[in-house]
């Protein structure tokens, strides 16, 4: 985050943000969160909290799966962004 926050690396496609949601499409346009059920951190937090109250095992499992897919995408996105700025 620091190279983008401090603007050591910046492109107009980032739209003034250093969020992974803006940095990723600027640097790795073929990757995005569009196909995921959970597409941003706020929704991920709400989904995670909802697990505490959910009694339907199917819904719990589906929410867990969606959270894992979101976290996986975040991790892969950070690796790909790092590869772009260090290669």
PDB file of N, CA and C in Angstrom:
ATOM      1  N   UNK A   1       0.820  -1.191   0.000  1.00  0.00           N
ATOM      2  CA  UNK A   1       0.000   0.000   0.000  1.00  0.00           C
ATOM      3  C   UNK A   1       0.871   1.264   0.000  1.00  0.00           C
ATOM      4  N   UNK A   2       1.996   1.234   0.662  1.00  0.00           N
ATOM      5  CA  UNK A   2       2.818   2.437   0.817  1.00  0.00           C
ATOM      6  C   UNK A   2       3.293   3.019  -0.523  1.00  0.00           C
ATOM      7  N   UNK A   3       3.743   2.190  -1.478  1.00  0.00           N
ATOM      8  CA  UNK A   3       4.170   2.805  -2.749  1.00  0.00           C
ATOM      9  C   UNK A   3       3.046   3.585  -3.442  1.00  0.00           C
ATOM     10  N   UNK A   4       1.820   3.165  -3.237  1.00  0.00           N
ATOM     11  CA  UNK A   4       0.684   3.843  -3.870  1.00  0.00           C
ATOM     12  C   UNK A   4       0.198   5.008  -3.012  1.00  0.00           C
ATOM     13  N   UNK A   5       0.165   4.793  -1.711  1.00  0.00           N
ATOM     14  CA  UNK A   5      -0.280   5.842  -0.788  1.00  0.00           C
ATOM     15  C   UNK A   5       0.651   7.058  -0.862  1.00  0.00           C
ATOM     16  N   UNK A   6       1.946   6.798  -0.935  1.00  0.00           N
ATOM     17  CA  UNK A   6       2.919   7.890  -1.001  1.00  0.00           C
ATOM     18  C   UNK A   6       3.168   8.344  -2.440  1.00  0.00           C
ATOM     19  N   UNK A   7       2.450   7.730  -3.361  1.00  0.00           N
ATOM     20  CA  UNK A   7       2.507   8.069  -4.789  1.00  0.00           C
ATOM     21  C   UNK A   7       3.892   7.871  -5.397  1.00  0.00           C
ATOM     22  N   UNK A   8       4.621   6.869  -4.888  1.00  0.00           N
ATOM     23  CA  UNK A   8       5.864   6.484  -5.550  1.00  0.00           C
ATOM     24  C   UNK A   8       5.533   5.842  -6.891  1.00  0.00           C
ATOM     25  N   UNK A   9       4.354   5.236  -6.930  1.00  0.00           N
ATOM     26  CA  UNK A   9       3.852   4.639  -8.173  1.00  0.00           C
ATOM     27  C   UNK A   9       2.415   5.090  -8.328  1.00  0.00           C
ATOM     28  N   UNK A  10       2.124   5.724  -9.459  1.00  0.00           N
ATOM     29  CA  UNK A  10       0.766   6.216  -9.679  1.00  0.00           C
ATOM     30  C   UNK A  10       0.456   6.229 -11.165  1.00  0.00           C
ATOM     31  N   UNK A  11      -0.770   5.874 -11.500  1.00  0.00           N
ATOM     32  CA  UNK A  11      -1.283   6.040 -12.854  1.00  0.00           C
ATOM     33  C   UNK A  11      -2.676   6.663 -12.739  1.00  0.00           C
ATOM     34  N   UNK A  12      -3.102   7.408 -13.730  1.00  0.00           N
ATOM     35  CA  UNK A  12      -4.435   8.027 -13.679  1.00  0.00           C
ATOM     36  C   UNK A  12      -5.571   7.003 -13.527  1.00  0.00           C
ATOM     37  N   UNK A  13      -5.349   5.787 -13.991  1.00  0.00           N
ATOM     38  CA  UNK A  13      -6.379   4.749 -13.868  1.00  0.00           C
ATOM     39  C   UNK A  13      -6.703   4.405 -12.417  1.00  0.00           C
ATOM     40  N   UNK A  14      -5.834   4.770 -11.495  1.00  0.00           N
ATOM     41  CA  UNK A  14      -6.085   4.525 -10.069  1.00  0.00           C
ATOM     42  C   UNK A  14      -7.089   5.513  -9.492  1.00  0.00           C
ATOM     43  N   UNK A  15      -7.406   6.553 -10.236  1.00  0.00           N
ATOM     44  CA  UNK A  15      -8.426   7.534  -9.863  1.00  0.00           C
ATOM     45  C   UNK A  15      -8.191   8.153  -8.483  1.00  0.00           C
ATOM     46  N   UNK A  16      -6.912   8.377  -8.162  1.00  0.00           N
ATOM     47  CA  UNK A  16      -6.584   9.029  -6.904  1.00  0.00           C
ATOM     48  C   UNK A  16      -6.640   8.143  -5.680  1.00  0.00           C
ATOM     49  N   UNK A  17      -6.859   6.856  -5.863  1.00  0.00           N
ATOM     50  CA  UNK A  17      -7.002   5.933  -4.738  1.00  0.00           C
ATOM     51  C   UNK A  17      -5.825   4.968  -4.680  1.00  0.00           C
ATOM     52  N   UNK A  18      -5.508   4.496  -3.500  1.00  0.00           N
ATOM     53  CA  UNK A  18      -4.512   3.442  -3.363  1.00  0.00           C
ATOM     54  C   UNK A  18      -5.154   2.132  -2.911  1.00  0.00           C
ATOM     55  N   UNK A  19      -6.454   2.058  -2.973  1.00  0.00           N
ATOM     56  CA  UNK A  19      -7.187   0.838  -2.658  1.00  0.00           C
ATOM     57  C   UNK A  19      -6.891  -0.231  -3.715  1.00  0.00           C
ATOM     58  N   UNK A  20      -6.813  -1.473  -3.290  1.00  0.00           N
ATOM     59  CA  UNK A  20      -6.577  -2.577  -4.214  1.00  0.00           C
ATOM     60  C   UNK A  20      -7.658  -2.622  -5.289  1.00  0.00           C
ATOM     61  N   UNK A  21      -8.848  -2.155  -4.981  1.00  0.00           N
ATOM     62  CA  UNK A  21      -9.944  -2.174  -5.949  1.00  0.00           C
ATOM     63  C   UNK A  21      -9.697  -1.220  -7.116  1.00  0.00           C
ATOM     64  N   UNK A  22      -8.837  -0.209  -6.920  1.00  0.00           N
ATOM     65  CA  UNK A  22      -8.472   0.704  -7.991  1.00  0.00           C
ATOM     66  C   UNK A  22      -7.098   0.384  -8.567  1.00  0.00           C
ATOM     67  N   UNK A  23      -6.181  -0.029  -7.708  1.00  0.00           N
ATOM     68  CA  UNK A  23      -4.832  -0.343  -8.165  1.00  0.00           C
ATOM     69  C   UNK A  23      -4.845  -1.585  -9.063  1.00  0.00           C
ATOM     70  N   UNK A  24      -5.600  -2.597  -8.675  1.00  0.00           N
ATOM     71  CA  UNK A  24      -5.622  -3.843  -9.449  1.00  0.00           C
ATOM     72  C   UNK A  24      -6.036  -3.625 -10.903  1.00  0.00           C
ATOM     73  N   UNK A  25      -7.178  -3.009 -11.185  1.00  0.00           N
ATOM     74  CA  UNK A  25      -7.543  -2.849 -12.601  1.00  0.00           C
ATOM     75  C   UNK A  25      -6.588  -1.929 -13.366  1.00  0.00           C
ATOM     76  N   UNK A  26      -5.909  -1.031 -12.653  1.00  0.00           N
ATOM     77  CA  UNK A  26      -4.943  -0.153 -13.312  1.00  0.00           C
ATOM     78  C   UNK A  26      -3.701  -0.919 -13.749  1.00  0.00           C
ATOM     79  N   UNK A  27      -3.293  -1.886 -12.925  1.00  0.00           N
ATOM     80  CA  UNK A  27      -2.057  -2.609 -13.212  1.00  0.00           C
ATOM     81  C   UNK A  27      -2.275  -4.003 -13.806  1.00  0.00           C
ATOM     82  N   UNK A  28      -3.369  -4.634 -13.444  1.00  0.00           N
ATOM     83  CA  UNK A  28      -3.666  -5.992 -13.921  1.00  0.00           C
ATOM     84  C   UNK A  28      -5.120  -5.995 -14.407  1.00  0.00           C
ATOM     85  N   UNK A  29      -5.381  -5.386 -15.555  1.00  0.00           N
ATOM     86  CA  UNK A  29      -6.764  -5.194 -15.989  1.00  0.00           C
ATOM     87  C   UNK A  29      -7.555  -6.483 -16.222  1.00  0.00           C
ATOM     88  N   UNK A  30      -6.869  -7.576 -16.429  1.00  0.00           N
ATOM     89  CA  UNK A  30      -7.588  -8.839 -16.653  1.00  0.00           C
ATOM     90  C   UNK A  30      -8.139  -9.448 -15.366  1.00  0.00           C
ATOM     91  N   UNK A  31      -7.769  -8.897 -14.221  1.00  0.00           N
ATOM     92  CA  UNK A  31      -8.280  -9.388 -12.933  1.00  0.00           C
ATOM     93  C   UNK A  31      -9.281  -8.399 -12.365  1.00  0.00           C
ATOM     94  N   UNK A  32     -10.383  -8.915 -11.816  1.00  0.00           N
ATOM     95  CA  UNK A  32     -11.339  -8.055 -11.138  1.00  0.00           C
ATOM     96  C   UNK A  32     -12.218  -8.877 -10.200  1.00  0.00           C
ATOM     97  N   UNK A  33     -12.986  -8.207  -9.405  1.00  0.00           N
ATOM     98  CA  UNK A  33     -13.840  -8.822  -8.394  1.00  0.00           C
ATOM     99  C   UNK A  33     -15.280  -9.012  -8.900  1.00  0.00           C
ATOM    100  N   UNK A  34     -15.530  -8.686 -10.146  1.00  0.00           N
ATOM    101  CA  UNK A  34     -16.895  -8.641 -10.667  1.00  0.00           C
ATOM    102  C   UNK A  34     -17.666  -9.947 -10.582  1.00  0.00           C
ATOM    103  N   UNK A  35     -16.999 -11.060 -10.686  1.00  0.00           N
ATOM    104  CA  UNK A  35     -17.686 -12.354 -10.685  1.00  0.00           C
ATOM    105  C   UNK A  35     -17.907 -12.920  -9.284  1.00  0.00           C
ATOM    106  N   UNK A  36     -17.383 -12.258  -8.270  1.00  0.00           N
ATOM    107  CA  UNK A  36     -17.498 -12.754  -6.901  1.00  0.00           C
ATOM    108  C   UNK A  36     -18.811 -12.327  -6.262  1.00  0.00           C
ATOM    109  N   UNK A  37     -19.314 -13.151  -5.378  1.00  0.00           N
ATOM    110  CA  UNK A  37     -20.514 -12.802  -4.618  1.00  0.00           C
ATOM    111  C   UNK A  37     -20.220 -11.628  -3.677  1.00  0.00           C
ATOM    112  N   UNK A  38     -19.056 -11.670  -3.044  1.00  0.00           N
ATOM    113  CA  UNK A  38     -18.590 -10.579  -2.177  1.00  0.00           C
ATOM    114  C   UNK A  38     -17.518  -9.837  -2.962  1.00  0.00           C
ATOM    115  N   UNK A  39     -17.718  -8.532  -3.157  1.00  0.00           N
ATOM    116  CA  UNK A  39     -16.826  -7.780  -4.039  1.00  0.00           C
ATOM    117  C   UNK A  39     -16.028  -6.684  -3.351  1.00  0.00           C
ATOM    118  N   UNK A  40     -16.263  -6.459  -2.066  1.00  0.00           N
ATOM    119  CA  UNK A  40     -15.493  -5.419  -1.373  1.00  0.00           C
ATOM    120  C   UNK A  40     -15.443  -5.678   0.122  1.00  0.00           C
ATOM    121  N   UNK A  41     -14.500  -5.026   0.794  1.00  0.00           N
ATOM    122  CA  UNK A  41     -14.220  -5.282   2.200  1.00  0.00           C
ATOM    123  C   UNK A  41     -15.364  -5.049   3.157  1.00  0.00           C
ATOM    124  N   UNK A  42     -16.147  -4.005   2.927  1.00  0.00           N
ATOM    125  CA  UNK A  42     -17.291  -3.738   3.805  1.00  0.00           C
ATOM    126  C   UNK A  42     -18.293  -4.868   3.777  1.00  0.00           C
ATOM    127  N   UNK A  43     -18.571  -5.372   2.599  1.00  0.00           N
ATOM    128  CA  UNK A  43     -19.492  -6.509   2.467  1.00  0.00           C
ATOM    129  C   UNK A  43     -18.905  -7.768   3.097  1.00  0.00           C
ATOM    130  N   UNK A  44     -17.597  -7.930   2.982  1.00  0.00           N
ATOM    131  CA  UNK A  44     -16.945  -9.087   3.592  1.00  0.00           C
ATOM    132  C   UNK A  44     -17.084  -9.032   5.111  1.00  0.00           C
ATOM    133  N   UNK A  45     -16.911  -7.857   5.688  1.00  0.00           N
ATOM    134  CA  UNK A  45     -17.053  -7.700   7.141  1.00  0.00           C
ATOM    135  C   UNK A  45     -18.470  -8.020   7.605  1.00  0.00           C
ATOM    136  N   UNK A  46     -19.442  -7.525   6.863  1.00  0.00           N
ATOM    137  CA  UNK A  46     -20.842  -7.789   7.216  1.00  0.00           C
ATOM    138  C   UNK A  46     -21.155  -9.278   7.085  1.00  0.00           C
ATOM    139  N   UNK A  47     -20.671  -9.900   6.015  1.00  0.00           N
ATOM    140  CA  UNK A  47     -20.902 -11.336   5.813  1.00  0.00           C
ATOM    141  C   UNK A  47     -20.268 -12.145   6.937  1.00  0.00           C
ATOM    142  N   UNK A  48     -19.053 -11.766   7.337  1.00  0.00           N
ATOM    143  CA  UNK A  48     -18.375 -12.476   8.414  1.00  0.00           C
ATOM    144  C   UNK A  48     -19.157 -12.354   9.718  1.00  0.00           C
ATOM    145  N   UNK A  49     -19.605 -11.160  10.034  1.00  0.00           N
ATOM    146  CA  UNK A  49     -20.379 -10.951  11.259  1.00  0.00           C
ATOM    147  C   UNK A  49     -21.683 -11.760  11.231  1.00  0.00           C
ATOM    148  N   UNK A  50     -22.282 -11.871  10.060  1.00  0.00           N
ATOM    149  CA  UNK A  50     -23.557 -12.592   9.944  1.00  0.00           C
ATOM    150  C   UNK A  50     -23.418 -14.075  10.296  1.00  0.00           C
ATOM    151  N   UNK A  51     -22.208 -14.605  10.180  1.00  0.00           N
ATOM    152  CA  UNK A  51     -22.000 -16.020  10.512  1.00  0.00           C
ATOM    153  C   UNK A  51     -22.312 -16.307  11.976  1.00  0.00           C
ATOM    154  N   UNK A  52     -22.095 -15.333  12.834  1.00  0.00           N
ATOM    155  CA  UNK A  52     -22.339 -15.502  14.262  1.00  0.00           C
ATOM    156  C   UNK A  52     -23.816 -15.788  14.549  1.00  0.00           C
ATOM    157  N   UNK A  53     -24.692 -15.168  13.763  1.00  0.00           N
ATOM    158  CA  UNK A  53     -26.134 -15.255  14.005  1.00  0.00           C
ATOM    159  C   UNK A  53     -26.837 -16.307  13.148  1.00  0.00           C
ATOM    160  N   UNK A  54     -26.168 -16.804  12.133  1.00  0.00           N
ATOM    161  CA  UNK A  54     -26.808 -17.710  11.179  1.00  0.00           C
ATOM    162  C   UNK A  54     -26.951 -19.116  11.752  1.00  0.00           C
ATOM    163  N   UNK A  55     -28.148 -19.678  11.653  1.00  0.00           N
ATOM    164  CA  UNK A  55     -28.374 -21.044  12.134  1.00  0.00           C
ATOM    165  C   UNK A  55     -28.532 -22.034  10.981  1.00  0.00           C
ATOM    166  N   UNK A  56     -28.738 -21.526   9.777  1.00  0.00           N
ATOM    167  CA  UNK A  56     -28.874 -22.385   8.594  1.00  0.00           C
ATOM    168  C   UNK A  56     -27.480 -22.819   8.130  1.00  0.00           C
ATOM    169  N   UNK A  57     -27.203 -24.115   8.249  1.00  0.00           N
ATOM    170  CA  UNK A  57     -25.870 -24.621   7.917  1.00  0.00           C
ATOM    171  C   UNK A  57     -25.519 -24.410   6.449  1.00  0.00           C
ATOM    172  N   UNK A  58     -26.503 -24.499   5.563  1.00  0.00           N
ATOM    173  CA  UNK A  58     -26.237 -24.266   4.142  1.00  0.00           C
ATOM    174  C   UNK A  58     -25.802 -22.821   3.916  1.00  0.00           C
ATOM    175  N   UNK A  59     -26.512 -21.869   4.520  1.00  0.00           N
ATOM    176  CA  UNK A  59     -26.155 -20.454   4.378  1.00  0.00           C
ATOM    177  C   UNK A  59     -24.777 -20.180   4.979  1.00  0.00           C
ATOM    178  N   UNK A  60     -24.505 -20.816   6.115  1.00  0.00           N
ATOM    179  CA  UNK A  60     -23.193 -20.645   6.741  1.00  0.00           C
ATOM    180  C   UNK A  60     -22.087 -21.127   5.819  1.00  0.00           C
ATOM    181  N   UNK A  61     -22.273 -22.295   5.249  1.00  0.00           N
ATOM    182  CA  UNK A  61     -21.264 -22.852   4.353  1.00  0.00           C
ATOM    183  C   UNK A  61     -21.095 -21.987   3.102  1.00  0.00           C
ATOM    184  N   UNK A  62     -22.192 -21.489   2.560  1.00  0.00           N
ATOM    185  CA  UNK A  62     -22.127 -20.642   1.370  1.00  0.00           C
ATOM    186  C   UNK A  62     -21.415 -19.325   1.679  1.00  0.00           C
ATOM    187  N   UNK A  63     -21.710 -18.744   2.825  1.00  0.00           N
ATOM    188  CA  UNK A  63     -21.048 -17.500   3.217  1.00  0.00           C
ATOM    189  C   UNK A  63     -19.555 -17.729   3.417  1.00  0.00           C
ATOM    190  N   UNK A  64     -19.200 -18.827   4.055  1.00  0.00           N
ATOM    191  CA  UNK A  64     -17.779 -19.167   4.249  1.00  0.00           C
ATOM    192  C   UNK A  64     -17.078 -19.296   2.895  1.00  0.00           C
ATOM    193  N   UNK A  65     -17.724 -19.983   1.973  1.00  0.00           N
ATOM    194  CA  UNK A  65     -17.156 -20.169   0.630  1.00  0.00           C
ATOM    195  C   UNK A  65     -16.958 -18.814  -0.049  1.00  0.00           C
ATOM    196  N   UNK A  66     -17.962 -17.954   0.033  1.00  0.00           N
ATOM    197  CA  UNK A  66     -17.861 -16.632  -0.579  1.00  0.00           C
ATOM    198  C   UNK A  66     -16.754 -15.795   0.052  1.00  0.00           C
ATOM    199  N   UNK A  67     -16.618 -15.877   1.371  1.00  0.00           N
ATOM    200  CA  UNK A  67     -15.552 -15.154   2.058  1.00  0.00           C
ATOM    201  C   UNK A  67     -14.173 -15.661   1.653  1.00  0.00           C
ATOM    202  N   UNK A  68     -14.047 -16.964   1.553  1.00  0.00           N
ATOM    203  CA  UNK A  68     -12.757 -17.537   1.139  1.00  0.00           C
ATOM    204  C   UNK A  68     -12.394 -17.128  -0.282  1.00  0.00           C
ATOM    205  N   UNK A  69     -13.372 -17.096  -1.172  1.00  0.00           N
ATOM    206  CA  UNK A  69     -13.121 -16.665  -2.550  1.00  0.00           C
ATOM    207  C   UNK A  69     -12.692 -15.194  -2.588  1.00  0.00           C
ATOM    208  N   UNK A  70     -13.335 -14.373  -1.784  1.00  0.00           N
ATOM    209  CA  UNK A  70     -12.972 -12.958  -1.716  1.00  0.00           C
ATOM    210  C   UNK A  70     -11.546 -12.795  -1.179  1.00  0.00           C
ATOM    211  N   UNK A  71     -11.233 -13.495  -0.103  1.00  0.00           N
ATOM    212  CA  UNK A  71      -9.890 -13.400   0.486  1.00  0.00           C
ATOM    213  C   UNK A  71      -8.827 -13.939  -0.472  1.00  0.00           C
ATOM    214  N   UNK A  72      -9.169 -14.992  -1.169  1.00  0.00           N
ATOM    215  CA  UNK A  72      -8.245 -15.553  -2.171  1.00  0.00           C
ATOM    216  C   UNK A  72      -7.965 -14.512  -3.249  1.00  0.00           C
ATOM    217  N   UNK A  73      -9.005 -13.861  -3.729  1.00  0.00           N
ATOM    218  CA  UNK A  73      -8.839 -12.843  -4.765  1.00  0.00           C
ATOM    219  C   UNK A  73      -7.987 -11.693  -4.255  1.00  0.00           C
ATOM    220  N   UNK A  74      -8.221 -11.245  -3.041  1.00  0.00           N
ATOM    221  CA  UNK A  74      -7.401 -10.178  -2.450  1.00  0.00           C
ATOM    222  C   UNK A  74      -5.929 -10.577  -2.410  1.00  0.00           C
ATOM    223  N   UNK A  75      -5.666 -11.798  -1.994  1.00  0.00           N
ATOM    224  CA  UNK A  75      -4.284 -12.277  -1.881  1.00  0.00           C
ATOM    225  C   UNK A  75      -3.621 -12.371  -3.247  1.00  0.00           C
ATOM    226  N   UNK A  76      -4.292 -13.002  -4.194  1.00  0.00           N
ATOM    227  CA  UNK A  76      -3.738 -13.128  -5.546  1.00  0.00           C
ATOM    228  C   UNK A  76      -3.558 -11.743  -6.165  1.00  0.00           C
ATOM    229  N   UNK A  77      -4.495 -10.858  -5.941  1.00  0.00           N
ATOM    230  CA  UNK A  77      -4.406  -9.497  -6.474  1.00  0.00           C
ATOM    231  C   UNK A  77      -3.164  -8.791  -5.948  1.00  0.00           C
ATOM    232  N   UNK A  78      -2.904  -8.909  -4.650  1.00  0.00           N
ATOM    233  CA  UNK A  78      -1.729  -8.249  -4.073  1.00  0.00           C
ATOM    234  C   UNK A  78      -0.433  -8.825  -4.637  1.00  0.00           C
ATOM    235  N   UNK A  79      -0.405 -10.132  -4.837  1.00  0.00           N
ATOM    236  CA  UNK A  79       0.779 -10.772  -5.427  1.00  0.00           C
ATOM    237  C   UNK A  79       0.983 -10.276  -6.853  1.00  0.00           C
ATOM    238  N   UNK A  80      -0.077 -10.220  -7.626  1.00  0.00           N
ATOM    239  CA  UNK A  80       0.027  -9.774  -9.022  1.00  0.00           C
ATOM    240  C   UNK A  80       0.442  -8.302  -9.105  1.00  0.00           C
ATOM    241  N   UNK A  81      -0.093  -7.469  -8.251  1.00  0.00           N
ATOM    242  CA  UNK A  81       0.289  -6.059  -8.228  1.00  0.00           C
ATOM    243  C   UNK A  81       1.777  -5.941  -7.862  1.00  0.00           C
ATOM    244  N   UNK A  82       2.208  -6.679  -6.860  1.00  0.00           N
ATOM    245  CA  UNK A  82       3.605  -6.660  -6.465  1.00  0.00           C
ATOM    246  C   UNK A  82       4.503  -7.098  -7.629  1.00  0.00           C
ATOM    247  N   UNK A  83       4.084  -8.140  -8.343  1.00  0.00           N
ATOM    248  CA  UNK A  83       4.844  -8.588  -9.507  1.00  0.00           C
ATOM    249  C   UNK A  83       4.958  -7.489 -10.561  1.00  0.00           C
ATOM    250  N   UNK A  84       3.907  -6.737 -10.770  1.00  0.00           N
ATOM    251  CA  UNK A  84       3.916  -5.670 -11.781  1.00  0.00           C
ATOM    252  C   UNK A  84       4.862  -4.536 -11.401  1.00  0.00           C
ATOM    253  N   UNK A  85       4.930  -4.197 -10.130  1.00  0.00           N
ATOM    254  CA  UNK A  85       5.760  -3.040  -9.758  1.00  0.00           C
ATOM    255  C   UNK A  85       7.207  -3.416  -9.456  1.00  0.00           C
ATOM    256  N   UNK A  86       7.495  -4.706  -9.331  1.00  0.00           N
ATOM    257  CA  UNK A  86       8.873  -5.098  -9.023  1.00  0.00           C
ATOM    258  C   UNK A  86       9.592  -5.749 -10.178  1.00  0.00           C
ATOM    259  N   UNK A  87       8.904  -6.032 -11.251  1.00  0.00           N
ATOM    260  CA  UNK A  87       9.555  -6.677 -12.398  1.00  0.00           C
ATOM    261  C   UNK A  87      10.044  -5.688 -13.404  1.00  0.00           C
TER     262      UNK A  87
END
